[in-house]
Amino acid sequence: MKKELIHLQGVSKSFDGHLVLDGLDLTIYENEFVTLLGPSGCGKTTTLRLIGGFEEPDTGVVLFDGQDITHVPPNRRQVNTVFQNYALFSHMDVADNIAFGPKIHGKSREYIKDKIRYALKLVNLDGYEHANIVDLSGGQQQRVAIARALCTNQPLILFDEPTSALDPEMVQEVLNVMVELARENITMICVTHEMGFARQVADRVIFMDGGYIVEEGTPEHFFTAPEHERTKAFLSKILH
């Protein structure tokens, strides 16, 4: 039986009187890679921010492993977020950026060294421990951000359009890293416009529009046999 890790129940959220999420119900299971798809403004990023603790819902609850975390701040959640703009410390080298979280939590020097080594290997940045952040390409910086998320040992990683700020030639290197993470059975939720990536890697695709879930299913079913007219219209524009 699959274990529920995240459950959003009846979640609504408005900004300046504009309803962004409308009674959203969403469940994410352990070791699952879920992609959130949909047009701009449909509520995908707001959903991530509610799970990460950067926003609170107007109504409804956010549960993590059965516990109510609706009002728990981001730094006290067992969730890590990889942002579009990397959010790295430019005055620190690669190793210090990756070690930031474990150091705050009082981990030993040996533990942190092992974690850095493991994370850099996973994101294909072996040997970059002492590189300056400002000297790295955008793709490399995003991979450092992913390595930092891995080092905190949180059971859930959120990705908010992780390739949107990258030059086209750098997109694939970040997507390749996320493919590797999927093979490690790390629970991930990714907002993306990369349809090929979602089709290749996701365990489940969720299509949102108007602040609620229109359709969800396996990538094969979603991309080849969508049931709803809104989904079909979206895919006809995106895939052709």
C-alpha atoms as a PDB file:
ATOM      1  CA  MET A   1       0.000   0.000   0.000  1.00  0.00           C
ATOM      2  CA  LYS A   2       1.358   3.389  -0.997  1.00  0.00           C
ATOM      3  CA  LYS A   3       2.118   5.791   1.820  1.00  0.00           C
ATOM      4  CA  GLU A   4       0.590   9.277   1.647  1.00  0.00           C
ATOM      5  CA  LEU A   5       3.297  11.881   2.143  1.00  0.00           C
ATOM      6  CA  ILE A   6       1.452  15.111   1.266  1.00  0.00           C
ATOM      7  CA  HIS A   7      -2.271  15.727   1.315  1.00  0.00           C
ATOM      8  CA  LEU A   8      -3.915  19.039   0.440  1.00  0.00           C
ATOM      9  CA  GLN A   9      -7.545  19.036   1.504  1.00  0.00           C
ATOM     10  CA  GLY A  10     -10.020  21.671   0.312  1.00  0.00           C
ATOM     11  CA  VAL A  11      -7.262  24.231  -0.208  1.00  0.00           C
ATOM     12  CA  SER A  12      -8.204  27.658  -1.582  1.00  0.00           C
ATOM     13  CA  LYS A  13      -5.965  30.676  -2.086  1.00  0.00           C
ATOM     14  CA  SER A  14      -6.613  34.177  -3.397  1.00  0.00           C
ATOM     15  CA  PHE A  15      -4.283  37.070  -4.194  1.00  0.00           C
ATOM     16  CA  ASP A  16      -5.733  40.584  -4.362  1.00  0.00           C
ATOM     17  CA  GLY A  17      -9.225  39.192  -4.734  1.00  0.00           C
ATOM     18  CA  HIS A  18      -8.228  36.804  -7.529  1.00  0.00           C
ATOM     19  CA  LEU A  19      -8.962  33.152  -6.761  1.00  0.00           C
ATOM     20  CA  VAL A  20      -5.872  31.110  -7.683  1.00  0.00           C
ATOM     21  CA  LEU A  21      -6.731  27.783  -6.021  1.00  0.00           C
ATOM     22  CA  ASP A  22     -10.334  26.685  -5.622  1.00  0.00           C
ATOM     23  CA  GLY A  23     -10.911  23.870  -3.126  1.00  0.00           C
ATOM     24  CA  LEU A  24      -7.892  21.886  -4.287  1.00  0.00           C
ATOM     25  CA  ASP A  25      -7.558  18.265  -3.178  1.00  0.00           C
ATOM     26  CA  LEU A  26      -4.182  16.675  -3.911  1.00  0.00           C
ATOM     27  CA  THR A  27      -2.318  13.627  -2.603  1.00  0.00           C
ATOM     28  CA  ILE A  28       1.373  12.882  -3.174  1.00  0.00           C
ATOM     29  CA  TYR A  29       2.715   9.446  -2.292  1.00  0.00           C
ATOM     30  CA  GLU A  30       6.145   8.478  -0.998  1.00  0.00           C
ATOM     31  CA  ASN A  31       8.802   7.763  -3.691  1.00  0.00           C
ATOM     32  CA  GLU A  32       6.586   9.289  -6.372  1.00  0.00           C
ATOM     33  CA  PHE A  33       7.684  11.769  -9.040  1.00  0.00           C
ATOM     34  CA  VAL A  34       4.748  14.030  -9.901  1.00  0.00           C
ATOM     35  CA  THR A  35       4.736  16.751 -12.532  1.00  0.00           C
ATOM     36  CA  LEU A  36       2.255  19.630 -12.384  1.00  0.00           C
ATOM     37  CA  LEU A  37       1.282  20.884 -15.823  1.00  0.00           C
ATOM     38  CA  GLY A  38      -1.068  23.597 -16.984  1.00  0.00           C
ATOM     39  CA  PRO A  39      -1.310  27.102 -18.441  1.00  0.00           C
ATOM     40  CA  SER A  40       0.262  30.096 -16.730  1.00  0.00           C
ATOM     41  CA  GLY A  41      -1.784  31.277 -13.766  1.00  0.00           C
ATOM     42  CA  CYS A  42      -3.513  27.939 -13.189  1.00  0.00           C
ATOM     43  CA  GLY A  43      -2.151  27.589  -9.641  1.00  0.00           C
ATOM     44  CA  LYS A  44       0.818  25.229 -10.099  1.00  0.00           C
ATOM     45  CA  THR A  45       3.460  27.384  -8.400  1.00  0.00           C
ATOM     46  CA  THR A  46       1.019  28.461  -5.672  1.00  0.00           C
ATOM     47  CA  THR A  47       0.433  24.779  -4.929  1.00  0.00           C
ATOM     48  CA  LEU A  48       4.184  24.251  -4.519  1.00  0.00           C
ATOM     49  CA  ARG A  49       4.503  27.310  -2.311  1.00  0.00           C
ATOM     50  CA  LEU A  50       1.710  26.044  -0.044  1.00  0.00           C
ATOM     51  CA  ILE A  51       3.442  22.679   0.306  1.00  0.00           C
ATOM     52  CA  GLY A  52       6.792  24.381   0.942  1.00  0.00           C
ATOM     53  CA  GLY A  53       5.328  26.758   3.532  1.00  0.00           C
ATOM     54  CA  PHE A  54       5.945  29.987   1.637  1.00  0.00           C
ATOM     55  CA  GLU A  55       2.209  30.661   1.517  1.00  0.00           C
ATOM     56  CA  GLU A  56      -0.704  29.701   3.763  1.00  0.00           C
ATOM     57  CA  PRO A  57      -4.123  28.746   2.374  1.00  0.00           C
ATOM     58  CA  ASP A  58      -7.199  30.892   2.943  1.00  0.00           C
ATOM     59  CA  THR A  59      -9.152  27.698   3.575  1.00  0.00           C
ATOM     60  CA  GLY A  60      -8.261  24.028   3.834  1.00  0.00           C
ATOM     61  CA  VAL A  61      -5.336  22.142   5.360  1.00  0.00           C
ATOM     62  CA  VAL A  62      -1.917  20.852   4.319  1.00  0.00           C
ATOM     63  CA  LEU A  63      -0.945  17.494   5.812  1.00  0.00           C
ATOM     64  CA  PHE A  64       2.527  15.936   5.828  1.00  0.00           C
ATOM     65  CA  ASP A  65       2.629  12.259   6.759  1.00  0.00           C
ATOM     66  CA  GLY A  66      -0.758  12.761   8.416  1.00  0.00           C
ATOM     67  CA  GLN A  67       0.325  15.789  10.478  1.00  0.00           C
ATOM     68  CA  ASP A  68      -1.202  19.240   9.974  1.00  0.00           C
ATOM     69  CA  ILE A  69       1.577  21.575   8.751  1.00  0.00           C
ATOM     70  CA  THR A  70      -0.701  24.317   7.393  1.00  0.00           C
ATOM     71  CA  HIS A  71       0.884  27.009   9.575  1.00  0.00           C
ATOM     72  CA  VAL A  72       4.376  25.526   9.970  1.00  0.00           C
ATOM     73  CA  PRO A  73       7.097  27.831   8.521  1.00  0.00           C
ATOM     74  CA  PRO A  74       9.322  26.600   5.643  1.00  0.00           C
ATOM     75  CA  ASN A  75      12.420  26.039   7.791  1.00  0.00           C
ATOM     76  CA  ARG A  76      10.505  23.628  10.013  1.00  0.00           C
ATOM     77  CA  ARG A  77       9.034  21.521   7.208  1.00  0.00           C
ATOM     78  CA  GLN A  78      10.569  18.311   5.897  1.00  0.00           C
ATOM     79  CA  VAL A  79      10.518  19.786   2.416  1.00  0.00           C
ATOM     80  CA  ASN A  80      13.171  21.367   0.233  1.00  0.00           C
ATOM     81  CA  THR A  81      12.542  23.668  -2.720  1.00  0.00           C
ATOM     82  CA  VAL A  82      14.705  24.184  -5.807  1.00  0.00           C
ATOM     83  CA  PHE A  83      13.831  27.596  -7.227  1.00  0.00           C
ATOM     84  CA  GLN A  84      14.004  29.007 -10.751  1.00  0.00           C
ATOM     85  CA  ASN A  85      16.746  31.471  -9.781  1.00  0.00           C
ATOM     86  CA  TYR A  86      18.961  28.934  -7.921  1.00  0.00           C
ATOM     87  CA  ALA A  87      18.993  31.012  -4.641  1.00  0.00           C
ATOM     88  CA  LEU A  88      22.676  30.232  -4.012  1.00  0.00           C
ATOM     89  CA  PHE A  89      25.093  32.234  -1.848  1.00  0.00           C
ATOM     90  CA  SER A  90      27.500  33.928  -4.257  1.00  0.00           C
ATOM     91  CA  HIS A  91      30.085  34.619  -1.526  1.00  0.00           C
ATOM     92  CA  MET A  92      30.404  30.891  -0.730  1.00  0.00           C
ATOM     93  CA  ASP A  93      32.040  28.175  -2.804  1.00  0.00           C
ATOM     94  CA  VAL A  94      30.140  25.111  -3.990  1.00  0.00           C
ATOM     95  CA  ALA A  95      30.879  22.982  -0.916  1.00  0.00           C
ATOM     96  CA  ASP A  96      29.827  25.697   1.530  1.00  0.00           C
ATOM     97  CA  ASN A  97      26.563  26.245  -0.351  1.00  0.00           C
ATOM     98  CA  ILE A  98      25.768  22.539  -0.211  1.00  0.00           C
ATOM     99  CA  ALA A  99      26.803  22.274   3.453  1.00  0.00           C
ATOM    100  CA  PHE A 100      24.688  25.215   4.603  1.00  0.00           C
ATOM    101  CA  GLY A 101      21.663  23.168   5.705  1.00  0.00           C
ATOM    102  CA  PRO A 102      23.520  20.322   7.444  1.00  0.00           C
ATOM    103  CA  LYS A 103      25.710  22.848   9.314  1.00  0.00           C
ATOM    104  CA  ILE A 104      22.627  24.660  10.638  1.00  0.00           C
ATOM    105  CA  HIS A 105      21.318  21.324  11.891  1.00  0.00           C
ATOM    106  CA  GLY A 106      24.581  20.572  13.699  1.00  0.00           C
ATOM    107  CA  LYS A 107      25.762  17.667  11.555  1.00  0.00           C
ATOM    108  CA  SER A 108      29.350  16.496  12.002  1.00  0.00           C
ATOM    109  CA  ARG A 109      32.137  17.559   9.649  1.00  0.00           C
ATOM    110  CA  GLU A 110      32.590  13.974   8.428  1.00  0.00           C
ATOM    111  CA  TYR A 111      28.871  13.573   7.784  1.00  0.00           C
ATOM    112  CA  ILE A 112      28.811  16.804   5.787  1.00  0.00           C
ATOM    113  CA  LYS A 113      31.879  15.811   3.735  1.00  0.00           C
ATOM    114  CA  ASP A 114      30.263  12.492   2.840  1.00  0.00           C
ATOM    115  CA  LYS A 115      27.002  14.197   1.910  1.00  0.00           C
ATOM    116  CA  ILE A 116      28.767  16.744  -0.301  1.00  0.00           C
ATOM    117  CA  ARG A 117      30.663  13.970  -2.064  1.00  0.00           C
ATOM    118  CA  TYR A 118      27.475  11.947  -2.591  1.00  0.00           C
ATOM    119  CA  ALA A 119      25.433  14.928  -3.810  1.00  0.00           C
ATOM    120  CA  LEU A 120      28.079  16.209  -6.231  1.00  0.00           C
ATOM    121  CA  LYS A 121      28.457  12.743  -7.711  1.00  0.00           C
ATOM    122  CA  LEU A 122      24.703  12.493  -8.210  1.00  0.00           C
ATOM    123  CA  VAL A 123      24.522  15.851 -10.023  1.00  0.00           C
ATOM    124  CA  ASN A 124      27.667  15.171 -12.082  1.00  0.00           C
ATOM    125  CA  LEU A 125      29.804  17.862 -10.447  1.00  0.00           C
ATOM    126  CA  ASP A 126      32.617  15.744  -9.004  1.00  0.00           C
ATOM    127  CA  GLY A 127      35.642  17.905  -8.215  1.00  0.00           C
ATOM    128  CA  TYR A 128      33.730  21.211  -8.045  1.00  0.00           C
ATOM    129  CA  GLU A 129      33.796  21.497  -4.236  1.00  0.00           C
ATOM    130  CA  HIS A 130      35.926  24.648  -4.180  1.00  0.00           C
ATOM    131  CA  ALA A 131      34.627  26.301  -7.350  1.00  0.00           C
ATOM    132  CA  ASN A 132      33.220  29.825  -7.044  1.00  0.00           C
ATOM    133  CA  ILE A 133      29.485  30.041  -7.650  1.00  0.00           C
ATOM    134  CA  VAL A 134      29.869  33.091  -9.924  1.00  0.00           C
ATOM    135  CA  ASP A 135      32.211  31.153 -12.223  1.00  0.00           C
ATOM    136  CA  LEU A 136      29.656  28.406 -12.923  1.00  0.00           C
ATOM    137  CA  SER A 137      27.236  28.253 -15.815  1.00  0.00           C
ATOM    138  CA  GLY A 138      23.515  28.513 -15.149  1.00  0.00           C
ATOM    139  CA  GLY A 139      23.105  24.781 -15.571  1.00  0.00           C
ATOM    140  CA  GLN A 140      25.923  24.088 -13.125  1.00  0.00           C
ATOM    141  CA  GLN A 141      24.471  26.525 -10.598  1.00  0.00           C
ATOM    142  CA  GLN A 142      21.082  24.821 -10.792  1.00  0.00           C
ATOM    143  CA  ARG A 143      22.762  21.455 -10.257  1.00  0.00           C
ATOM    144  CA  VAL A 144      24.484  22.873  -7.157  1.00  0.00           C
ATOM    145  CA  ALA A 145      21.048  24.004  -5.928  1.00  0.00           C
ATOM    146  CA  ILE A 146      19.772  20.448  -6.431  1.00  0.00           C
ATOM    147  CA  ALA A 147      22.825  19.050  -4.593  1.00  0.00           C
ATOM    148  CA  ARG A 148      22.091  21.407  -1.702  1.00  0.00           C
ATOM    149  CA  ALA A 149      18.505  20.149  -1.547  1.00  0.00           C
ATOM    150  CA  LEU A 150      19.727  16.553  -1.501  1.00  0.00           C
ATOM    151  CA  CYS A 151      22.113  17.238   1.377  1.00  0.00           C
ATOM    152  CA  THR A 152      19.365  18.200   3.793  1.00  0.00           C
ATOM    153  CA  ASN A 153      17.967  14.640   3.701  1.00  0.00           C
ATOM    154  CA  GLN A 154      14.397  15.899   3.527  1.00  0.00           C
ATOM    155  CA  PRO A 155      11.901  13.321   2.223  1.00  0.00           C
ATOM    156  CA  LEU A 156      10.389  15.684  -0.376  1.00  0.00           C
ATOM    157  CA  ILE A 157      11.938  18.004  -2.972  1.00  0.00           C
ATOM    158  CA  LEU A 158       9.899  20.613  -4.846  1.00  0.00           C
ATOM    159  CA  PHE A 159      11.040  21.963  -8.221  1.00  0.00           C
ATOM    160  CA  ASP A 160       9.533  25.227  -9.453  1.00  0.00           C
ATOM    161  CA  GLU A 161      10.267  25.296 -13.196  1.00  0.00           C
ATOM    162  CA  PRO A 162      13.945  24.467 -12.565  1.00  0.00           C
ATOM    163  CA  THR A 163      14.971  24.993 -16.196  1.00  0.00           C
ATOM    164  CA  SER A 164      13.024  28.162 -17.018  1.00  0.00           C
ATOM    165  CA  ALA A 165      15.949  30.527 -16.307  1.00  0.00           C
ATOM    166  CA  LEU A 166      18.464  28.476 -18.307  1.00  0.00           C
ATOM    167  CA  ASP A 167      19.762  28.865 -21.818  1.00  0.00           C
ATOM    168  CA  PRO A 168      18.350  26.116 -24.059  1.00  0.00           C
ATOM    169  CA  GLU A 169      21.653  24.235 -24.285  1.00  0.00           C
ATOM    170  CA  MET A 170      21.809  23.992 -20.478  1.00  0.00           C
ATOM    171  CA  VAL A 171      18.286  22.680 -19.971  1.00  0.00           C
ATOM    172  CA  GLN A 172      19.086  19.063 -20.781  1.00  0.00           C
ATOM    173  CA  GLU A 173      21.936  18.787 -18.280  1.00  0.00           C
ATOM    174  CA  VAL A 174      19.577  19.730 -15.427  1.00  0.00           C
ATOM    175  CA  LEU A 175      16.834  17.432 -16.701  1.00  0.00           C
ATOM    176  CA  ASN A 176      19.357  14.571 -16.877  1.00  0.00           C
ATOM    177  CA  VAL A 177      20.145  15.078 -13.191  1.00  0.00           C
ATOM    178  CA  MET A 178      16.449  14.942 -12.317  1.00  0.00           C
ATOM    179  CA  VAL A 179      16.133  11.692 -14.265  1.00  0.00           C
ATOM    180  CA  GLU A 180      18.873  10.278 -12.030  1.00  0.00           C
ATOM    181  CA  LEU A 181      17.052  11.486  -8.915  1.00  0.00           C
ATOM    182  CA  ALA A 182      13.896   9.740 -10.091  1.00  0.00           C
ATOM    183  CA  ARG A 183      15.880   6.497 -10.292  1.00  0.00           C
ATOM    184  CA  GLU A 184      16.901   7.034  -6.653  1.00  0.00           C
ATOM    185  CA  ASN A 185      13.187   6.963  -5.660  1.00  0.00           C
ATOM    186  CA  ILE A 186      13.320  10.447  -4.146  1.00  0.00           C
ATOM    187  CA  THR A 187       9.835  11.934  -3.743  1.00  0.00           C
ATOM    188  CA  MET A 188       9.584  14.960  -6.034  1.00  0.00           C
ATOM    189  CA  ILE A 189       6.970  17.393  -7.290  1.00  0.00           C
ATOM    190  CA  CYS A 190       7.962  19.398 -10.345  1.00  0.00           C
ATOM    191  CA  VAL A 191       6.240  22.322 -12.042  1.00  0.00           C
ATOM    192  CA  THR A 192       7.506  22.261 -15.607  1.00  0.00           C
ATOM    193  CA  HIS A 193       6.776  23.217 -19.196  1.00  0.00           C
ATOM    194  CA  GLU A 194       9.059  20.454 -20.477  1.00  0.00           C
ATOM    195  CA  MET A 195       6.486  18.043 -21.874  1.00  0.00           C
ATOM    196  CA  GLY A 196       9.017  15.485 -23.107  1.00  0.00           C
ATOM    197  CA  PHE A 197      10.611  15.359 -19.673  1.00  0.00           C
ATOM    198  CA  ALA A 198       7.250  14.924 -17.933  1.00  0.00           C
ATOM    199  CA  ARG A 199       6.358  12.137 -20.321  1.00  0.00           C
ATOM    200  CA  GLN A 200       9.687  10.358 -19.842  1.00  0.00           C
ATOM    201  CA  VAL A 201      10.198  10.616 -16.084  1.00  0.00           C
ATOM    202  CA  ALA A 202       6.974  11.258 -14.162  1.00  0.00           C
ATOM    203  CA  ASP A 203       5.082   8.542 -12.332  1.00  0.00           C
ATOM    204  CA  ARG A 204       1.988  10.735 -12.451  1.00  0.00           C
ATOM    205  CA  VAL A 205       1.042  13.838 -14.419  1.00  0.00           C
ATOM    206  CA  ILE A 206      -1.417  16.331 -12.932  1.00  0.00           C
ATOM    207  CA  PHE A 207      -3.017  18.883 -15.238  1.00  0.00           C
ATOM    208  CA  MET A 208      -4.374  22.009 -13.550  1.00  0.00           C
ATOM    209  CA  ASP A 209      -6.497  24.841 -14.837  1.00  0.00           C
ATOM    210  CA  GLY A 210      -8.616  27.470 -13.097  1.00  0.00           C
ATOM    211  CA  GLY A 211      -7.241  26.588  -9.669  1.00  0.00           C
ATOM    212  CA  TYR A 212      -8.210  22.925  -9.590  1.00  0.00           C
ATOM    213  CA  ILE A 213      -7.132  19.557 -10.994  1.00  0.00           C
ATOM    214  CA  VAL A 214      -8.731  18.873 -14.363  1.00  0.00           C
ATOM    215  CA  GLU A 215      -7.105  15.517 -15.046  1.00  0.00           C
ATOM    216  CA  GLU A 216      -4.380  13.245 -13.713  1.00  0.00           C
ATOM    217  CA  GLY A 217      -2.880   9.904 -14.596  1.00  0.00           C
ATOM    218  CA  THR A 218       0.169   8.113 -15.905  1.00  0.00           C
ATOM    219  CA  PRO A 219       2.169   9.961 -18.578  1.00  0.00           C
ATOM    220  CA  GLU A 220       1.156   7.366 -21.175  1.00  0.00           C
ATOM    221  CA  HIS A 221      -2.535   7.853 -20.476  1.00  0.00           C
ATOM    222  CA  PHE A 222      -2.292  11.637 -20.118  1.00  0.00           C
ATOM    223  CA  PHE A 223      -0.395  12.251 -23.352  1.00  0.00           C
ATOM    224  CA  THR A 224      -1.996   9.596 -25.564  1.00  0.00           C
ATOM    225  CA  ALA A 225      -5.575   9.274 -24.280  1.00  0.00           C
ATOM    226  CA  PRO A 226      -6.639  12.375 -22.303  1.00  0.00           C
ATOM    227  CA  GLU A 227     -10.271  12.290 -21.242  1.00  0.00           C
ATOM    228  CA  HIS A 228     -11.173  15.965 -20.793  1.00  0.00           C
ATOM    229  CA  GLU A 229     -11.659  18.474 -23.599  1.00  0.00           C
ATOM    230  CA  ARG A 230      -9.633  21.091 -21.705  1.00  0.00           C
ATOM    231  CA  THR A 231      -6.697  18.689 -21.506  1.00  0.00           C
ATOM    232  CA  LYS A 232      -6.974  17.871 -25.203  1.00  0.00           C
ATOM    233  CA  ALA A 233      -7.021  21.566 -26.106  1.00  0.00           C
ATOM    234  CA  PHE A 234      -3.947  22.260 -23.937  1.00  0.00           C
ATOM    235  CA  LEU A 235      -1.961  19.370 -25.421  1.00  0.00           C
ATOM    236  CA  SER A 236      -2.935  20.283 -28.995  1.00  0.00           C
ATOM    237  CA  LYS A 237      -1.343  23.710 -28.488  1.00  0.00           C
ATOM    238  CA  ILE A 238       1.722  22.487 -26.632  1.00  0.00           C
ATOM    239  CA  LEU A 239       2.588  19.414 -28.710  1.00  0.00           C
ATOM    240  CA  HIS A 240       1.938  20.783 -32.193  1.00  0.00           C
END
